[in-house]
Protein backbone atom coordinates (compact mmCIF):
# COMPACT_ATOMS: atom_id res chain seq x y z
CA ARG A 1 -1.83 65.20 11.69
CA THR A 2 -5.06 65.59 13.80
CA LEU A 3 -5.73 67.87 16.77
CA GLY A 4 -5.37 64.77 18.97
CA ILE A 5 -8.45 64.96 21.09
CA ARG A 6 -11.29 62.72 19.78
CA ASP A 7 -13.62 62.63 22.50
CA ALA A 8 -13.76 64.95 25.60
CA ALA A 9 -15.50 62.36 27.84
CA PRO A 10 -13.06 59.42 28.09
CA GLU A 11 -11.08 59.12 31.44
CA GLU A 12 -7.72 59.42 29.57
CA SER A 13 -8.44 62.66 27.89
CA SER A 14 -9.88 63.97 31.27
CA GLU A 15 -6.57 62.89 32.91
CA LEU A 16 -4.43 64.63 30.29
CA TYR A 17 -6.50 67.83 30.81
CA ARG A 18 -6.27 67.62 34.67
CA THR A 19 -2.52 67.25 34.50
CA ARG A 20 -1.95 69.88 31.94
CA ARG A 21 -0.30 67.88 29.45
CA LEU A 22 -2.30 69.43 26.62
CA SER A 23 -1.24 72.51 24.44
CA ALA A 24 -3.29 75.80 24.95
CA GLU A 25 -5.13 74.85 21.61
CA GLN A 26 -6.08 71.61 22.80
CA ARG A 27 -7.23 72.71 26.42
CA LEU A 28 -9.51 75.30 24.51
CA TYR A 29 -10.91 72.61 22.32
CA PHE A 30 -11.28 70.34 25.06
CA SER A 31 -13.29 73.03 27.24
CA LEU A 32 -15.44 73.90 24.50
CA SER A 33 -16.36 70.19 23.45
CA LYS A 34 -17.22 69.32 27.01
CA ALA A 35 -19.58 72.52 26.85
CA GLY A 36 -21.35 70.89 23.98
CA ILE A 37 -21.21 74.06 21.76
CA LEU A 38 -18.95 72.62 18.91
CA ASN A 39 -20.48 71.32 15.50
CA GLN A 40 -18.81 69.20 13.06
CA CYS A 41 -17.90 70.80 9.62
CA LEU A 42 -16.29 69.61 6.52
CA LEU A 43 -14.82 72.25 4.18
CA GLU A 44 -14.03 71.37 0.51
CA PRO A 45 -10.75 72.42 -1.24
CA LYS A 46 -11.08 75.94 -2.70
CA GLN A 47 -13.89 76.84 -0.26
CA ILE A 48 -13.61 80.25 1.22
CA VAL A 49 -13.79 80.11 5.08
CA LEU A 50 -13.13 84.12 5.67
CA ARG A 51 -12.69 87.23 3.47
CA LYS A 52 -10.64 89.98 4.79
CA GLY A 53 -12.58 92.86 6.15
CA GLN A 54 -15.68 91.05 6.53
CA PRO A 55 -17.27 90.22 9.90
CA VAL A 56 -16.50 87.10 11.61
CA THR A 57 -19.47 85.19 12.96
CA LEU A 58 -18.04 81.46 13.24
CA ALA A 59 -14.86 80.26 14.76
CA TYR A 60 -13.07 77.19 13.38
CA PHE A 61 -11.08 74.56 15.40
CA ILE A 62 -9.34 72.72 12.69
CA VAL A 63 -9.18 68.97 13.21
CA SER A 64 -7.57 67.92 10.05
CA GLY A 65 -6.59 69.40 6.57
CA THR A 66 -4.72 72.52 5.47
CA LEU A 67 -5.97 76.14 4.89
CA LEU A 68 -4.09 79.16 3.56
CA ALA A 69 -4.57 82.67 4.81
CA LYS A 70 -3.35 85.72 2.88
CA ASP A 71 -3.32 89.33 2.78
CA GLU A 72 -1.39 91.75 0.50
CA ARG A 73 1.87 90.89 2.21
CA ARG A 74 1.94 87.52 3.73
CA VAL A 75 0.65 84.06 3.37
CA PHE A 76 -0.03 81.55 6.15
CA ARG A 77 -0.78 77.86 6.16
CA PHE A 78 -3.00 76.41 8.83
CA GLY A 79 -3.63 72.84 9.91
CA ALA A 80 -4.68 70.46 12.64
CA GLY A 81 -4.94 72.63 16.02
CA ALA A 82 -5.44 75.90 14.32
CA VAL A 83 -8.17 78.35 15.67
CA ILE A 84 -9.48 80.60 12.92
CA GLY A 85 -11.87 83.52 13.57
CA LEU A 86 -12.05 83.40 17.37
CA ALA A 87 -9.74 86.33 18.11
CA GLU A 88 -11.17 88.70 15.70
CA SER A 89 -14.71 88.00 16.66
CA ILE A 90 -14.12 88.20 20.50
CA SER A 91 -12.29 91.56 19.77
CA GLY A 92 -15.14 92.59 17.54
CA LYS A 93 -12.68 92.96 14.57
CA THR A 94 -13.31 92.00 10.96
CA ALA A 95 -11.32 89.11 9.38
CA ASN A 96 -7.48 90.03 9.01
CA PHE A 97 -7.17 87.65 5.91
CA ASP A 98 -8.75 85.77 3.17
CA VAL A 99 -8.73 82.10 4.37
CA ILE A 100 -9.33 79.32 1.83
CA ALA A 101 -9.35 75.45 2.17
CA VAL A 102 -6.57 73.91 0.28
CA SER A 103 -7.63 70.30 1.23
CA THR A 104 -10.54 68.84 2.63
CA VAL A 105 -10.52 70.06 6.08
CA SER A 106 -12.56 68.74 9.02
CA ALA A 107 -13.38 71.40 11.65
CA ARG A 108 -15.45 72.17 14.63
CA ILE A 109 -17.37 75.38 14.55
CA PHE A 110 -19.60 77.39 16.60
CA PRO A 111 -21.21 80.64 16.47
CA VAL A 112 -19.20 83.42 18.02
CA GLN A 113 -22.12 84.73 19.88
CA LYS A 114 -22.18 81.51 21.94
CA ILE A 115 -18.67 82.40 23.44
CA VAL A 116 -20.06 85.87 24.78
CA SER A 117 -22.94 84.04 26.34
CA ILE A 118 -20.74 81.38 28.15
CA LEU A 119 -17.73 83.67 29.18
CA PRO A 120 -19.11 83.97 32.79
CA SER A 121 -19.03 80.39 33.38
CA ILE A 122 -15.66 79.59 31.73
CA PRO A 123 -12.84 78.71 34.12
CA GLY A 124 -10.10 81.36 34.70
CA PRO A 125 -7.46 79.44 32.86
CA VAL A 126 -9.45 78.94 29.73
CA VAL A 127 -10.33 82.83 29.70
CA LYS A 128 -6.62 83.30 29.77
CA ILE A 129 -6.01 80.94 26.81
CA LEU A 130 -8.67 82.92 25.02
CA GLN A 131 -7.10 86.12 25.59
CA THR A 132 -3.73 84.77 24.49
CA VAL A 133 -5.27 83.50 21.48
CA ALA A 134 -6.94 86.93 20.73
CA ARG A 135 -3.83 88.81 21.22
CA ARG A 136 -1.72 86.68 18.89
CA ALA A 137 -4.26 86.67 16.14
CA ILE A 138 -4.76 90.40 16.10
CA GLU A 139 -1.07 91.09 16.86
CA LEU A 140 -1.39 93.14 20.08
CA PRO A 141 1.48 93.34 22.59
CA ARG A 142 1.01 91.09 25.57
CA VAL A 143 -0.73 92.35 28.76
CA ASP A 144 -0.33 90.71 32.05
């Protein structure tokens, strides 16, 4: 399975975005892709992406492949469409889990500092998506 958006420029992708037929993760990816701040990254199996308690400087949008995240109590499997590191970095928290690639992973990454610099120019709906992703990742109650 892949994220499902290969190029943010084609007319078909733009139409999907306008008609809101994309998931929250796809809309976020689409918006960031159009902004030109995503870089391609290939992670090898067993490569450590994040370490619990360490600062997060990159956000990862997983396009394909599988990663595992674990702490003392839980294990999570992440695949295409997952966003890793964004919530912690936006909220100023350290990584919640150790995250390791299980297979070869294709991802789009960007330095989190770039998010801070573009927040004022991001459309309101995308800011709400970012807030939702951040709340879910750091397990805070929903605030409307």
